[in-house]
Each structure stands twice: as C-alpha cells, then as structure tokens.
Protein backbone atom coordinates (compact mmCIF):
# COMPACT_ATOMS: atom_id res chain seq x y z
CA MET A 1 160.89 -9.35 -18.85
CA THR A 2 157.08 -8.33 -18.93
CA ASN A 3 155.65 -4.96 -18.74
CA THR A 4 154.14 -3.96 -15.61
CA PRO A 5 150.29 -3.15 -16.04
CA GLN A 6 149.64 0.76 -15.98
CA LYS A 7 147.46 0.33 -12.84
CA ASP A 8 150.13 -1.39 -10.93
CA ARG A 9 152.92 1.29 -11.94
CA THR A 10 150.62 4.10 -10.63
CA GLN A 11 149.55 2.41 -7.48
CA SER A 12 152.55 3.74 -5.53
CA SER A 13 151.39 7.38 -6.17
CA GLN A 14 148.34 6.44 -3.98
CA ARG A 15 150.59 5.46 -1.01
CA ILE A 16 151.54 9.05 -0.14
CA SER A 17 150.57 9.49 3.49
CA GLU A 18 147.80 11.76 4.64
CA ALA A 19 150.18 14.09 6.61
CA ALA A 20 152.63 14.34 3.48
CA HIS A 21 149.55 15.17 1.23
CA LYS A 22 148.20 17.80 3.69
CA ASN A 23 151.63 19.53 4.12
CA HIS A 24 152.21 19.50 0.31
CA GLU A 25 148.89 20.91 -0.33
CA GLU A 26 149.63 23.75 2.18
CA LEU A 27 152.44 24.92 -0.09
CA PHE A 28 151.00 23.84 -3.55
CA PRO A 29 147.22 23.78 -3.41
CA ASN A 30 145.66 21.90 -6.23
CA HIS A 31 149.04 21.24 -7.94
CA LYS A 32 149.03 18.59 -10.52
CA SER A 33 152.41 16.78 -10.43
CA THR A 34 153.54 15.38 -13.67
CA LEU A 35 156.21 13.38 -11.80
CA LYS A 36 153.36 11.57 -10.05
CA VAL A 37 152.60 10.08 -13.43
CA THR A 38 156.04 9.52 -14.83
CA ASP A 39 158.00 8.82 -11.61
CA PRO A 40 155.31 7.62 -9.02
CA GLU A 41 157.80 5.62 -6.84
CA LEU A 42 160.23 8.38 -6.47
CA ILE A 43 157.44 10.94 -5.55
CA GLU A 44 156.07 8.49 -2.98
CA VAL A 45 159.37 8.10 -1.35
CA PHE A 46 160.32 11.70 -1.46
CA ASP A 47 156.95 13.26 -0.38
CA ASN A 48 156.59 10.63 2.43
CA PHE A 49 160.11 11.58 3.61
CA ALA A 50 160.19 15.37 3.08
CA PHE A 51 156.58 16.25 3.71
CA ASP A 52 155.82 13.84 6.52
CA GLU A 53 158.67 12.12 8.28
CA VAL A 54 160.97 14.95 8.31
CA ILE A 55 158.47 17.62 9.12
CA SER A 56 157.03 15.55 11.99
CA LEU A 57 160.17 15.97 13.96
CA SER A 58 160.09 19.87 13.57
CA LYS A 59 159.01 22.63 15.81
CA LEU A 60 159.58 25.12 13.05
CA ASP A 61 156.53 27.02 11.88
CA THR A 62 155.79 26.55 8.03
CA LYS A 63 156.75 29.94 7.04
CA THR A 64 160.18 29.82 8.59
CA ARG A 65 160.89 26.27 7.25
CA VAL A 66 160.13 27.33 3.70
CA MET A 67 162.21 30.55 3.93
CA LEU A 68 165.24 28.38 4.99
CA ILE A 69 164.61 25.92 2.30
CA LEU A 70 164.52 28.85 -0.09
CA ALA A 71 167.84 30.01 1.20
CA SER A 72 169.33 26.61 0.77
CA MET A 73 168.10 26.36 -2.83
CA ILE A 74 170.16 29.40 -3.65
CA GLY A 75 173.16 27.70 -2.07
CA SER A 76 172.49 24.59 -4.12
CA GLN A 77 172.02 26.63 -7.36
CA ALA A 78 168.74 24.90 -7.86
CA VAL A 79 166.96 27.88 -9.65
CA ASN A 80 164.11 25.92 -11.17
CA GLU A 81 163.05 24.38 -7.88
CA PHE A 82 163.64 27.84 -6.27
CA LYS A 83 161.00 29.36 -8.63
CA ILE A 84 158.41 26.76 -7.64
CA MET A 85 159.23 27.26 -3.88
CA VAL A 86 158.93 31.03 -4.22
CA GLY A 87 155.34 30.41 -5.35
CA ALA A 88 154.78 28.13 -2.36
CA ALA A 89 156.36 30.78 -0.04
CA LEU A 90 153.85 33.47 -1.28
CA ASN A 91 151.03 30.98 -0.81
CA ILE A 92 151.84 30.62 2.87
CA GLY A 93 152.32 34.21 3.65
CA VAL A 94 156.04 34.90 3.12
CA THR A 95 156.07 38.56 1.97
CA PRO A 96 157.69 39.59 -1.28
CA VAL A 97 160.17 41.90 0.78
CA GLU A 98 161.07 38.84 2.84
CA ILE A 99 161.78 36.78 -0.37
CA LYS A 100 163.69 39.50 -1.84
CA GLU A 101 165.78 40.08 1.34
CA ILE A 102 166.59 36.14 1.26
CA VAL A 103 168.14 36.60 -2.22
CA TYR A 104 169.96 39.70 -1.34
CA GLN A 105 171.30 38.01 1.85
CA ALA A 106 172.73 35.28 -0.48
CA VAL A 107 174.79 37.73 -2.71
CA PRO A 108 177.85 38.09 -0.39
CA TYR A 109 177.91 34.30 0.28
CA VAL A 110 177.37 32.72 -3.24
CA GLY A 111 178.62 35.82 -5.23
CA MET A 112 176.63 37.77 -7.70
CA ALA A 113 177.53 35.57 -10.64
CA LYS A 114 175.49 32.71 -9.02
CA ALA A 115 172.84 35.19 -7.45
CA PHE A 116 171.86 36.88 -10.66
CA ASP A 117 169.74 33.96 -11.82
CA PHE A 118 167.78 34.02 -8.52
CA VAL A 119 167.19 37.72 -8.68
CA HIS A 120 165.71 37.35 -12.19
CA ALA A 121 163.69 34.27 -11.13
CA THR A 122 162.35 36.07 -8.16
CA ASN A 123 161.38 39.02 -10.27
CA GLU A 124 159.71 36.74 -12.78
CA ILE A 125 157.60 35.02 -10.18
CA LEU A 126 156.61 38.42 -8.35
CA THR A 127 155.67 39.96 -11.67
CA HIS A 128 153.59 36.99 -12.58
CA ARG A 129 151.68 37.30 -9.29
CA GLY A 130 151.00 41.02 -10.24
CA ILE A 131 153.45 42.33 -7.66
CA GLN A 132 154.85 45.78 -8.81
CA LEU A 133 158.43 46.07 -8.83
CA PRO A 134 160.64 47.60 -7.42
CA LEU A 135 159.59 46.87 -3.87
CA GLU A 136 159.89 49.42 -1.15
CA GLY A 137 163.67 49.91 -0.30
CA GLN A 138 165.01 48.35 2.79
CA SER A 139 168.56 49.84 3.01
CA THR A 140 169.47 51.53 6.07
CA THR A 141 172.95 52.86 5.27
CA SER A 142 174.89 55.28 3.17
CA PRO A 143 178.30 55.22 1.79
CA GLU A 144 179.35 57.19 4.77
CA THR A 145 177.63 55.03 7.30
CA ARG A 146 178.09 51.61 5.81
CA TYR A 147 181.41 50.60 7.47
CA ASP A 148 180.57 51.71 11.02
CA LYS A 149 177.12 50.23 11.00
CA GLY A 150 178.37 47.01 9.45
CA LEU A 151 181.09 46.65 12.09
CA ALA A 152 178.58 47.24 14.76
CA VAL A 153 176.38 44.36 13.54
CA GLN A 154 179.44 42.17 13.20
CA LYS A 155 180.32 42.82 16.78
CA GLU A 156 176.64 42.35 17.83
CA ILE A 157 176.77 38.82 16.20
CA PHE A 158 180.43 37.74 16.89
CA GLY A 159 181.58 39.81 19.72
CA GLU A 160 185.29 40.31 20.40
CA THR A 161 186.12 37.76 17.56
CA ILE A 162 185.76 40.71 15.07
CA ASP A 163 188.58 42.67 16.93
CA GLN A 164 190.76 39.68 16.83
CA MET A 165 190.18 39.04 13.01
CA TYR A 166 191.42 42.56 12.40
CA GLN A 167 194.24 42.23 14.75
CA ARG A 168 195.48 39.07 13.18
CA SER A 169 194.99 40.11 9.47
CA PRO A 170 198.23 40.83 7.64
CA LYS A 171 198.44 44.41 6.51
CA ASP A 172 198.10 43.59 2.91
CA GLN A 173 194.96 41.61 3.42
CA LEU A 174 193.37 44.12 5.93
CA HIS A 175 191.08 45.37 2.95
CA ILE A 176 189.26 42.08 3.05
CA GLN A 177 188.27 42.54 6.70
CA ARG A 178 187.02 46.05 5.90
CA PHE A 179 185.12 44.74 2.97
CA LEU A 180 183.39 42.20 5.32
CA SER A 181 182.40 44.90 7.59
CA ALA A 182 181.28 47.48 5.08
CA ASN A 183 179.93 45.35 2.26
CA CYS A 184 178.92 41.94 3.71
CA PHE A 185 177.50 43.34 6.87
CA GLY A 186 177.13 46.98 6.19
CA ASP A 187 175.35 46.67 2.87
CA TYR A 188 173.45 43.54 3.53
CA TYR A 189 172.87 42.72 7.14
CA THR A 190 171.82 46.26 8.12
CA ARG A 191 168.86 46.03 5.83
CA ASN A 192 165.37 46.08 7.09
CA GLY A 193 162.83 43.12 6.08
CA LEU A 194 164.21 40.50 8.20
CA ASP A 195 165.52 40.52 11.83
CA ILE A 196 169.07 39.52 12.88
CA LYS A 197 167.99 36.08 14.10
CA VAL A 198 166.31 35.19 10.92
CA LYS A 199 169.33 36.49 8.79
CA GLU A 200 171.79 34.26 10.68
CA LEU A 201 169.52 31.21 10.01
CA ILE A 202 169.26 32.14 6.54
CA THR A 203 173.00 32.58 6.11
CA LEU A 204 173.59 29.28 7.74
CA SER A 205 171.22 27.61 5.48
CA ILE A 206 172.95 29.01 2.47
CA LEU A 207 176.38 27.92 3.77
CA ILE A 208 175.08 24.41 4.45
CA ALA A 209 173.97 23.97 0.94
CA LEU A 210 177.12 25.39 -0.57
CA GLY A 211 179.36 22.86 0.86
CA GLY A 212 183.07 22.98 1.31
CA VAL A 213 182.73 25.86 3.64
CA GLU A 214 182.86 24.26 7.05
CA SER A 215 185.02 27.01 8.55
CA GLN A 216 182.26 29.47 7.80
CA ILE A 217 179.54 27.11 8.74
CA LYS A 218 181.19 26.76 12.18
CA GLY A 219 181.48 30.67 12.45
CA HIS A 220 177.92 31.09 11.73
CA ILE A 221 176.72 28.35 14.02
CA GLN A 222 178.44 30.34 16.74
CA GLY A 223 176.82 33.42 15.39
CA ASN A 224 173.41 31.87 15.72
CA LEU A 225 174.14 30.79 19.23
CA ASN A 226 175.37 34.41 20.10
CA VAL A 227 172.11 35.92 18.90
CA GLY A 228 169.85 33.36 20.65
CA ASN A 229 169.26 30.62 18.05
CA GLY A 230 169.92 27.51 20.29
CA LYS A 231 171.25 24.15 19.45
CA ASP A 232 167.90 22.51 19.19
CA LEU A 233 166.74 24.95 16.69
CA LEU A 234 169.87 24.50 14.58
CA LEU A 235 169.46 20.85 14.62
CA ASP A 236 166.00 21.25 13.65
CA ILE A 237 166.98 23.33 10.59
CA ILE A 238 169.70 20.84 9.53
CA THR A 239 167.07 18.21 9.66
CA GLN A 240 164.57 20.18 7.57
CA LEU A 241 167.21 20.97 4.93
CA LEU A 242 168.31 17.23 4.55
CA PRO A 243 165.74 16.31 1.71
CA TRP A 244 166.69 19.29 -0.15
CA VAL A 245 170.62 19.22 0.24
CA GLY A 246 171.36 15.59 0.66
CA TYR A 247 173.12 13.54 3.18
CA PRO A 248 176.85 14.67 2.72
CA ARG A 249 176.14 18.46 3.32
CA THR A 250 173.83 17.48 6.17
CA LEU A 251 176.36 15.29 7.93
CA ASN A 252 179.04 17.91 7.49
CA ALA A 253 176.78 20.55 9.09
CA LEU A 254 175.89 18.13 11.85
CA LYS A 255 179.63 17.58 12.63
CA CYS A 256 180.19 21.38 12.58
CA LEU A 257 177.21 21.85 15.01
CA ASN A 258 178.62 19.26 17.41
CA GLU A 259 182.05 20.58 17.41
CA VAL A 260 181.01 24.15 18.12
CA THR A 261 178.69 23.28 20.76
CA ALA A 262 181.26 20.90 22.40
CA GLU A 263 183.64 23.82 22.67
C-alpha cells in the first residue's frame, strides 16, 4: 500500500461548496480549522451537508437555527462543541441573555448534574468576550407566586391536559405535578429573555437530542402546535438538528411529529 501524496490528501478540503463556506464563515469568521488539515474528507462531507444541503431546505433565520442547535448540544452533552457554538451565536447577534436563558431552560429537562458544565462553559465564553457577570436578572416570580404563575403558563401551552394530569395523579405522586407547575414552569418558563414560542422550540430541541424521551417529545410537539409553531416549522427544526444529533434521534422525532399531527 503506497502513501497518498500530501497534495492529493488535502484536495478534498477544497471541494467545500461556496454556500457551505459562506454559511460557515457567517458563524465562524476567519476560523482556521485544524480538522481541514488532519481530516479533510470528513470536513468536506460534514460542511457540505450541515452548512449547505440541510440549510438550503430551511426557512429559519440564522439566529433561531443557532439557538436551537445550542439547545440540542446541551441535550447531547456536547460541551466542547457547545462552547464553540456559543462563540458563533454571539457572532451572529444572539444576546448573552438569550444564551443564558437557553442554558437555564435546559436545567429541568436534563437535570442540574448535566447542566452545570454548560453554565460554567457559558460563563467562560462570556467572560472571555468581556461581558460582565452576572447578567441582568430575568426572574418574574417569587416563592409565593411561582406555583400559580407556573400553572398558568402550563395551561397556556397545554390547556385542559394539565387539569387531567392533576386529576389522574395518585395522591402519593401529586407532589411531582406540583413540582412541574412551580419549578419547571414557575421557576423557568416564566422568566423573561425568550418568548413562549421560542422556549417551546428550545425545549423540543433539548428533548430530541436527549433521546429515549418520546413521550415528552410528543407532549412538547403538541405544546408547540398549541402556541402557534406549526408542523412545517417543527419539521424544519428536526431537519436542521439532524447533522448535530444524528439519524436515530431524528427519525424518532419525525415519528413523534407524524403521530401527533395525525391525531
């Protein structure tokens, strides 16, 4: 077996499409990729797919797409790539508050044990960019109001389903329903910084990346539909997450979307 000449090994890095290069540059201006040198064939395939072929099918604006990719990276526990994408998000106008709120939104879905690394990673990038911490507070509730306000947001998104969940819950498990209202929705969903439609898209993106949570994916597909995020938009999002979360999770999410919308 003979060695391939160096110039032949690097030629594939020059076959990245103009659209892929342009979309990549928008996020990472003047970025010098070491993988273009060490793994040119992989980068050719991935960049052409993720930054050209997939994006060409999308109606999402760049900012929204990057925010949802960020959310999926928390679900995937991809902290190193998350840090790089936080920099890209700042480059295209995602605000520090919006980035923080994506991370905070993930806490009740992935758990704090997994979210801690992303809080620290976000702080590291923001501090490196000269952004003073803490950011302006976004909380809108108090210990006295979190349950009622959270329950109101739940019902805004899911309607009468919430009353049914309370009614069906065994008495010894009712505290979990109350936690959902007061903590998941009262402490997090009521925060400022992102509107309810974006929060539901972020939640769905986290759940898709987590995997094994199809029941919750279906619930939040319905929640998205209820707040005005239509099927076409949800399909667009599933498509845009594909390069980052892989085919198994994408196909599971697609199955959930088709089942919910068929009902």
